[in-house]
Protein backbone atom coordinates (compact mmCIF):
# COMPACT_ATOMS: atom_id res chain seq x y z
CA MET A 1 83.48 50.34 -149.31
CA ARG A 2 80.83 52.82 -147.88
CA SER A 3 81.90 56.39 -146.86
CA HIS A 4 80.90 57.33 -143.46
CA PRO A 5 80.64 60.82 -142.36
CA PRO A 6 83.32 62.52 -140.27
CA PHE A 7 83.14 60.77 -136.59
CA GLU A 8 83.43 64.17 -134.88
CA GLU A 9 80.65 65.98 -136.55
CA THR A 10 77.79 62.64 -136.18
CA SER A 11 78.66 62.03 -132.66
CA GLY A 12 78.67 65.94 -131.64
CA ALA A 13 75.45 66.26 -133.11
CA ALA A 14 73.98 62.79 -131.34
CA MET A 15 75.06 63.84 -127.90
CA GLU A 16 73.81 67.52 -128.42
CA SER A 17 70.31 65.65 -129.32
CA ARG A 18 70.48 63.10 -126.14
CA ALA A 19 70.98 65.84 -123.63
CA SER A 20 68.27 67.85 -125.14
CA THR A 21 65.81 65.13 -124.56
CA ARG A 22 66.64 63.78 -121.30
CA PRO A 23 64.94 65.89 -119.10
CA GLY A 24 61.90 65.13 -120.22
CA LYS A 25 62.37 61.13 -120.16
CA VAL A 26 63.59 61.42 -116.38
CA LEU A 27 60.62 63.69 -115.73
CA VAL A 28 57.90 61.22 -117.69
CA LEU A 29 59.65 57.77 -116.05
CA CYS A 30 59.44 59.33 -112.24
CA ALA A 31 55.80 60.65 -112.75
CA GLY A 32 55.00 56.88 -114.11
CA LEU A 33 56.85 55.55 -111.02
CA LEU A 34 54.81 57.81 -108.79
CA LEU A 35 51.20 56.45 -110.07
CA THR A 36 52.52 53.09 -110.32
CA VAL A 37 53.24 53.33 -106.50
CA SER A 38 50.40 55.17 -105.58
CA ALA A 39 48.16 52.35 -107.57
CA CYS A 40 49.90 49.53 -105.82
CA GLY A 41 49.23 50.89 -102.14
CA PRO A 42 49.21 53.70 -99.75
CA THR A 43 52.29 55.88 -99.58
CA ALA A 44 54.57 56.37 -96.60
CA GLY A 45 52.68 59.51 -95.48
CA GLN A 46 49.55 57.57 -95.78
CA LEU A 47 50.64 55.20 -93.55
CA GLN A 48 51.92 57.09 -90.92
CA GLU A 49 48.81 59.05 -90.77
CA ARG A 50 46.83 55.61 -90.57
CA GLU A 51 49.07 54.35 -87.70
CA THR A 52 48.65 58.08 -86.02
CA SER A 53 44.69 57.66 -86.43
CA ALA A 54 44.96 53.75 -84.92
CA SER A 55 46.73 54.82 -81.79
CA ALA A 56 44.60 57.88 -80.89
CA ALA A 57 41.18 55.20 -81.48
CA PRO A 58 39.86 52.82 -78.94
CA SER A 59 41.10 49.49 -79.83
CA GLY A 60 37.34 48.29 -80.41
CA THR A 61 33.97 48.49 -78.68
CA VAL A 62 33.47 45.88 -75.46
CA ALA A 63 30.04 44.71 -74.48
CA ALA A 64 29.18 45.51 -71.35
CA GLU A 65 29.00 42.44 -69.19
CA PRO A 66 25.55 42.65 -67.72
CA SER A 67 24.76 43.21 -64.12
CA ARG A 68 24.21 40.04 -62.18
CA THR A 69 21.97 39.81 -58.89
CA PRO A 70 21.73 36.73 -56.69
CA TYR A 71 18.12 36.72 -56.87
CA PRO A 72 15.74 37.28 -59.51
CA THR A 73 14.66 40.64 -59.43
CA ARG A 74 10.77 40.66 -58.21
CA PRO A 75 8.48 43.79 -59.31
CA PRO A 76 7.32 46.13 -56.33
CA SER A 77 4.84 44.73 -54.14
CA PRO A 78 1.74 48.08 -54.18
CA VAL A 79 1.67 49.71 -51.71
CA PRO A 80 -1.81 49.35 -49.72
CA GLU A 81 -4.02 52.21 -49.35
CA THR A 82 -4.08 53.45 -45.85
CA THR A 83 -7.06 54.85 -43.95
CA ALA A 84 -6.77 57.13 -41.07
CA PRO A 85 -8.94 55.78 -38.13
CA PRO A 86 -11.74 58.45 -37.36
CA THR A 87 -11.33 60.85 -35.45
CA GLN A 88 -12.11 60.83 -31.34
CA VAL A 89 -13.86 63.53 -30.39
CA GLY A 90 -15.21 64.83 -26.70
CA VAL A 91 -17.97 66.71 -25.74
CA THR A 92 -18.63 70.38 -25.13
CA GLY A 93 -21.50 72.37 -24.38
CA SER A 94 -24.73 71.03 -23.66
CA GLN A 95 -23.40 67.40 -23.91
CA VAL A 96 -21.20 67.67 -21.36
CA GLY A 97 -21.22 64.78 -18.50
CA MET A 98 -22.20 62.39 -21.23
CA PRO A 99 -20.96 59.15 -19.50
CA GLN A 100 -18.06 57.80 -21.40
CA PRO A 101 -19.67 54.28 -22.72
CA VAL A 102 -22.48 56.43 -24.65
CA GLN A 103 -19.25 58.81 -25.93
CA ASP A 104 -17.46 55.61 -27.37
CA ALA A 105 -20.49 54.25 -28.93
CA CYS A 106 -21.90 57.54 -30.09
CA GLN A 107 -18.71 58.70 -32.26
CA TRP A 108 -20.15 59.08 -35.26
CA LEU A 109 -22.71 61.40 -34.03
CA LEU A 110 -20.42 63.26 -31.81
CA ARG A 111 -18.29 63.95 -35.10
CA ARG A 112 -21.57 64.85 -36.87
CA ASP A 113 -21.01 62.46 -39.75
CA PRO A 114 -23.35 63.32 -42.49
CA GLU A 115 -22.65 60.03 -44.02
CA PRO A 116 -25.10 56.98 -43.01
CA ALA A 117 -24.02 54.72 -40.39
CA SER A 118 -25.09 50.96 -40.08
CA GLY A 119 -27.83 49.60 -38.59
CA ALA A 120 -25.59 47.84 -35.62
CA GLU A 121 -23.91 50.71 -35.07
CA ALA A 122 -26.93 53.04 -35.05
CA GLY A 123 -28.57 50.12 -32.32
CA ALA A 124 -25.33 50.35 -30.05
CA CYS A 125 -25.44 54.17 -29.88
CA VAL A 126 -29.09 54.08 -28.87
CA SER A 127 -28.91 51.27 -26.33
CA ALA A 128 -26.06 52.57 -24.65
CA ALA A 129 -27.47 56.07 -24.27
CA MET A 130 -30.35 54.51 -22.98
CA ALA A 131 -28.63 52.02 -20.76
CA ALA A 132 -26.76 54.95 -19.07
CA GLY A 133 -30.37 57.35 -19.06
CA GLY A 134 -31.64 55.36 -15.80
CA GLY A 135 -35.45 55.43 -17.23
CA GLY A 136 -38.15 57.52 -17.33
CA VAL A 137 -42.05 58.07 -18.78
CA GLN A 138 -43.35 57.27 -21.86
CA THR A 139 -46.86 57.74 -23.46
CA LEU A 140 -47.22 54.94 -26.30
CA ARG A 141 -49.59 55.28 -28.69
CA THR A 142 -50.77 52.39 -31.00
CA ASP A 143 -52.66 51.62 -34.33
CA THR A 144 -53.32 48.05 -34.86
CA SER A 145 -50.24 46.62 -33.40
CA TRP A 146 -49.60 43.61 -31.38
CA LEU A 147 -50.94 45.79 -28.31
CA PRO A 148 -54.41 46.86 -28.34
CA ALA A 149 -55.04 50.05 -30.15
CA GLY A 150 -54.94 52.71 -27.69
CA THR A 151 -52.93 54.86 -25.55
CA TYR A 152 -50.78 53.56 -22.84
CA SER A 153 -48.75 55.16 -19.94
CA VAL A 154 -45.39 53.75 -19.26
CA ARG A 155 -42.75 53.93 -16.57
CA PHE A 156 -39.43 52.18 -17.02
CA ALA A 157 -36.08 51.84 -15.70
CA THR A 158 -32.91 50.72 -17.94
CA GLY A 159 -30.66 49.87 -14.90
CA PRO A 160 -29.24 48.71 -13.57
CA ASP A 161 -31.80 46.06 -13.84
CA PHE A 162 -34.81 46.73 -16.33
CA ALA A 163 -38.31 47.66 -15.06
CA MET A 164 -41.46 48.60 -16.39
CA THR A 165 -44.87 49.25 -15.78
CA LEU A 166 -47.46 49.83 -18.72
CA GLN A 167 -51.10 50.73 -18.09
CA ASP A 168 -53.75 51.02 -20.64
CA THR A 169 -55.19 54.61 -19.84
CA GLU A 170 -59.07 53.82 -20.98
CA ALA A 171 -59.19 49.55 -19.97
CA ASP A 172 -58.45 47.53 -17.32
CA LEU A 173 -55.19 46.26 -19.16
CA SER A 174 -51.32 46.28 -17.42
CA ILE A 175 -48.10 45.00 -17.83
CA THR A 176 -45.62 44.60 -15.46
CA ILE A 177 -42.02 43.06 -15.87
CA ARG A 178 -39.89 43.31 -12.53
CA GLU A 179 -36.76 41.11 -11.53
CA GLY A 180 -37.10 38.92 -14.61
CA GLN A 181 -40.68 38.14 -14.23
CA ARG A 182 -43.56 39.29 -16.52
CA VAL A 183 -47.14 39.71 -15.74
CA LEU A 184 -50.08 40.60 -17.78
CA HIS A 185 -52.92 42.07 -15.55
CA LYS A 186 -56.06 41.93 -17.83
CA GLU A 187 -59.73 41.39 -16.83
CA ASN A 188 -58.82 41.21 -12.98
CA GLN A 189 -56.53 38.20 -13.69
CA ASP A 190 -52.93 37.91 -13.87
CA ILE A 191 -51.43 36.39 -16.29
CA SER A 192 -47.56 35.17 -16.45
CA ALA A 193 -45.60 35.59 -19.69
CA ASP A 194 -44.47 32.59 -21.31
CA ARG A 195 -44.04 31.64 -25.14
CA GLU A 196 -43.97 27.92 -24.66
CA GLY A 197 -47.08 27.80 -22.03
CA THR A 198 -50.53 28.24 -22.57
CA ALA A 199 -52.45 30.45 -25.11
CA GLU A 200 -52.90 32.83 -22.43
CA GLU A 201 -49.87 32.81 -21.46
CA ALA A 202 -47.99 33.04 -24.86
CA TYR A 203 -50.31 35.88 -25.55
CA ALA A 204 -49.24 37.53 -22.31
CA ALA A 205 -45.50 37.01 -23.97
CA ILE A 206 -46.73 38.75 -27.12
CA LEU A 207 -47.90 41.68 -25.08
CA ALA A 208 -44.98 41.76 -23.05
CA ASP A 209 -42.56 41.63 -26.52
CA ALA A 210 -44.63 44.68 -27.63
CA ALA A 211 -44.51 46.53 -24.35
CA GLU A 212 -40.77 46.25 -24.50
CA LEU A 213 -39.89 47.39 -27.80
CA THR A 214 -39.85 50.79 -27.53
CA VAL A 215 -38.31 51.14 -23.75
CA ARG A 216 -35.76 47.98 -23.35
CA PRO A 217 -32.39 49.18 -24.68
CA GLU A 218 -31.54 45.66 -25.99
CA ARG A 219 -35.04 45.87 -27.85
CA VAL A 220 -34.35 48.90 -29.51
CA ALA A 221 -30.94 47.84 -30.64
CA ALA A 222 -32.65 44.73 -32.25
CA LEU A 223 -34.69 47.00 -34.14
CA LEU A 224 -32.47 49.57 -35.66
CA ALA A 225 -29.52 46.46 -36.22
CA PRO A 226 -31.56 44.99 -39.44
CA ALA A 227 -31.13 48.35 -41.14
CA GLU A 228 -28.52 48.63 -43.77
CA GLU A 229 -27.99 52.11 -43.38
CA VAL A 230 -29.57 54.67 -40.82
CA THR A 231 -29.34 58.15 -41.99
CA VAL A 232 -28.87 61.18 -39.63
CA ARG A 233 -30.10 64.69 -39.64
CA TYR A 234 -28.74 67.20 -36.85
CA GLY A 235 -30.61 69.94 -35.82
CA VAL A 236 -33.98 68.98 -36.23
CA VAL A 237 -36.78 71.11 -34.44
CA LEU A 238 -39.24 68.88 -32.36
CA ASP A 239 -41.93 70.65 -30.36
CA GLY A 240 -39.48 73.80 -30.23
CA LYS A 241 -36.52 72.02 -29.49
CA PRO A 242 -33.44 70.80 -31.32
CA CYS A 243 -32.57 67.07 -31.68
CA THR A 244 -30.67 64.87 -33.86
CA GLN A 245 -33.05 62.75 -35.84
CA ILE A 246 -31.92 58.77 -37.22
CA SER A 247 -34.01 56.92 -39.61
CA GLY A 248 -34.23 53.52 -41.67
CA SER A 249 -35.79 50.52 -42.58
CA PHE A 250 -35.55 47.12 -40.80
CA ASP A 251 -36.62 43.50 -41.64
CA THR A 252 -36.34 41.06 -38.65
CA GLY A 253 -38.22 38.32 -40.48
CA GLU A 254 -35.87 36.39 -41.77
CA ALA A 255 -33.72 37.05 -38.88
CA GLN A 256 -36.00 35.23 -36.48
CA GLN A 257 -35.72 32.67 -38.46
CA PRO A 258 -34.42 29.40 -36.60
CA GLY A 259 -30.72 28.66 -37.80
CA ASN A 260 -29.61 32.09 -38.44
CA GLY A 261 -27.60 32.37 -35.21
CA THR A 262 -28.13 36.52 -35.23
CA GLY A 263 -28.07 36.65 -31.81
CA LEU A 264 -31.40 38.87 -31.91
CA PRO A 265 -33.50 39.08 -28.51
CA ALA A 266 -36.44 36.20 -28.74
CA GLY A 267 -39.56 38.33 -29.87
CA SER A 268 -38.08 41.13 -31.17
CA SER A 269 -39.99 41.19 -34.27
CA ALA A 270 -43.21 40.28 -32.26
CA VAL A 271 -44.53 43.64 -33.01
CA LEU A 272 -43.71 44.38 -36.78
CA PRO A 273 -41.42 42.00 -38.37
CA ALA A 274 -40.57 44.62 -41.13
CA GLY A 275 -40.92 47.78 -41.46
CA SER A 276 -39.50 51.65 -41.07
CA PHE A 277 -38.18 53.82 -38.17
CA SER A 278 -37.50 57.14 -37.30
CA LEU A 279 -36.18 58.27 -33.92
CA CYS A 280 -35.41 61.79 -32.51
CA LEU A 281 -32.59 61.76 -29.74
CA ASP A 282 -31.67 64.49 -27.32
CA ASP A 283 -28.43 65.81 -26.59
CA PHE A 284 -26.96 62.54 -24.76
CA TYR A 285 -28.69 60.37 -27.78
CA ARG A 286 -31.86 59.38 -25.96
CA PRO A 287 -34.58 58.95 -27.82
CA VAL A 288 -37.35 61.41 -26.79
CA GLN A 289 -39.81 60.04 -29.86
CA ILE A 290 -39.67 57.20 -31.57
CA GLU A 291 -41.80 56.27 -34.34
CA ILE A 292 -42.19 52.72 -35.83
CA THR A 293 -44.50 51.76 -38.87
CA GLY A 294 -44.54 48.39 -40.83
CA LEU A 295 -46.84 45.45 -41.78
CA ASN A 296 -48.01 42.66 -39.46
CA GLN A 297 -49.55 39.96 -41.11
CA GLY A 298 -50.67 42.52 -43.93
CA ILE A 299 -51.94 45.12 -41.51
CA THR A 300 -50.52 48.41 -41.42
CA SER A 301 -49.38 49.43 -37.86
CA LYS A 302 -47.81 51.76 -36.27
CA ILE A 303 -46.79 52.91 -32.72
CA THR A 304 -45.33 56.27 -31.59
CA ALA A 305 -43.67 56.64 -28.17
CA VAL A 306 -42.76 59.44 -26.73
CA ASN A 307 -40.21 59.81 -23.56
CA ALA A 308 -39.86 62.14 -21.07
CA GLN A 309 -38.10 62.69 -17.71
CA TRP A 310 -35.21 60.80 -18.70
CA GLY A 311 -32.98 59.83 -15.42
CA THR A 312 -35.91 60.14 -13.03
CA HIS A 313 -35.67 56.20 -11.87
CA PRO A 314 -39.48 56.65 -11.48
CA LEU A 315 -39.63 53.38 -10.51
CA SER A 316 -37.42 53.46 -7.73
């Protein structure tokens, strides 16, 4: 039979040994539990923090609904450029008394525009000034044009009805135009001008057209109208007096072909179908000198007309 130590000693030593080791085991156990809990998921404190952050943050981003319009949006239309109308000016100084139709037709000159004008605008201005001028006297010199070369004395009226007389200063040749009748007097014979008549009458019509070229307002307008541009110079001195000079080139040959319908007076290109012109205008834009140079059937021709005594109505 095995002997055993006394019960009291064995039991006391064991209890003392257990008591000394129990706190360490408890700490180890608690640390293991904490590691296990943290490994399994968030702690209560972490959950509370997450709930607080979730309540403060927006629940989610909602895409904005695109704006809707009843009709498709069109790109803006380009704004057209607007050009202010030319300034209307009146007359002062030496131009006071200029008839209103002349002021209306010659605004580009009254404004002293430096840019060229069209031939039509220049022709309208000069013809209006001539018509309002009433008439005057003219010295006409020709060099190989349809009129025989020489010097002619002309008296003319531009309104209310056009009339003129042209007299060769050296030969027995004159042209009279009055009340629609055009008559050539040559070698003691009077010949009516008629483009569709006899050879003599057709020749008389050519001479009458040439005689009218520098004195009849619509003939001068037809001469200037075909020019693409008419240049202008202000303050040009002619015979000691200032004038306004306009110049350009013309070609009426094509305009006179049948079917073109340009409205140019018949026979306006009878003298020089193509060439150049230069006009010096007085304060009322009436021509005081007209120079025309060009070719007629391959022959160089030149006409110089000097006007004076505007408004005297020499044929009254």
